[in-house]
Amino acid sequence: MTAASAASLTPPPGIITVFSDIWCSFAHIAIHRLHATRKRLGLESQVAFDLRAFPLELLNDAPSPRPGTDSEVGRMASLEPGAGWQLWQAKDWLYPSTMLPALEAVQAAKEQSLTASEQLDLGLRKAFWAESRSVSHRKVILDVAAETGVVDVAALADALDDGRARSTLSGQAAVARTEAVRCSPHLFLPDGADWANPGIEVRWEGSYGVGFPVIESDDPDIYKDLLLAAATG
């Protein structure tokens, strides 16, 4: 990463910027660990998450294949079962063919607060990975928003209807295409440090969607260090 790009992605004290996709199982683990560790450390009023899109379907110019996510569920669930997982249980035709509406909704919720955006993002991830809900559908997105208890659903619906967050999503996709952001998830801290897929070293056995991930190492305790660093700036 160049010095200029690093500076542009460095958040203010008390913020962790996270580029990720909802389709990404590694991001599901990272977001779960961020929330759980922040709560355990009592830093919920001191550290917030600025969630930005790493839209795999735009970067790959194709929807993410279901065999890929299916191949990841068992292995990733064993790393972090508390995040919530299951193989897709709904009708096959309900499997999301895009995550763009959900990613857009997370950005739109920032008009209300970072907390609203965080909780909607977390709810959408659980809805997809643990509940087999079609989070590409507007009604499901709004249902999940209502379930958070913190998102103003009517305001979010208005934002989705007029597409006011769509250009923000497109801008984040453009950043995700650069060398500054390497993968989903990629975290950026106030001290200028950045962490791609924190704590996890992985390789693939076989091709994506045919083989499966092999975890070489996993250090969930890294999230304690990242949150304490963000809290102190």
Foldseek 3Di string as FASTA:
>chain_A
DDPVLLVVPADAFQEKEKEAALLDLLLLVVLVLLVVLCVVVVCPVQHFYRYAYQFPCVLVVAFDDLLQSQQEFVVSCVVPVVSAADRQDDDPVLAARGCLLQNLLLQQQCVVNSVLSSQLSSLLSNCVGHVNGNCVDPVVSLVSSVVSVRGPSVSSVVCSVVVPSVVVNVVRNVSSNDPSHDHHIKMHANVSDIDDSPFWDWDWDDDRSPTHIDTPTGDSCVSNVRSVRSSVD
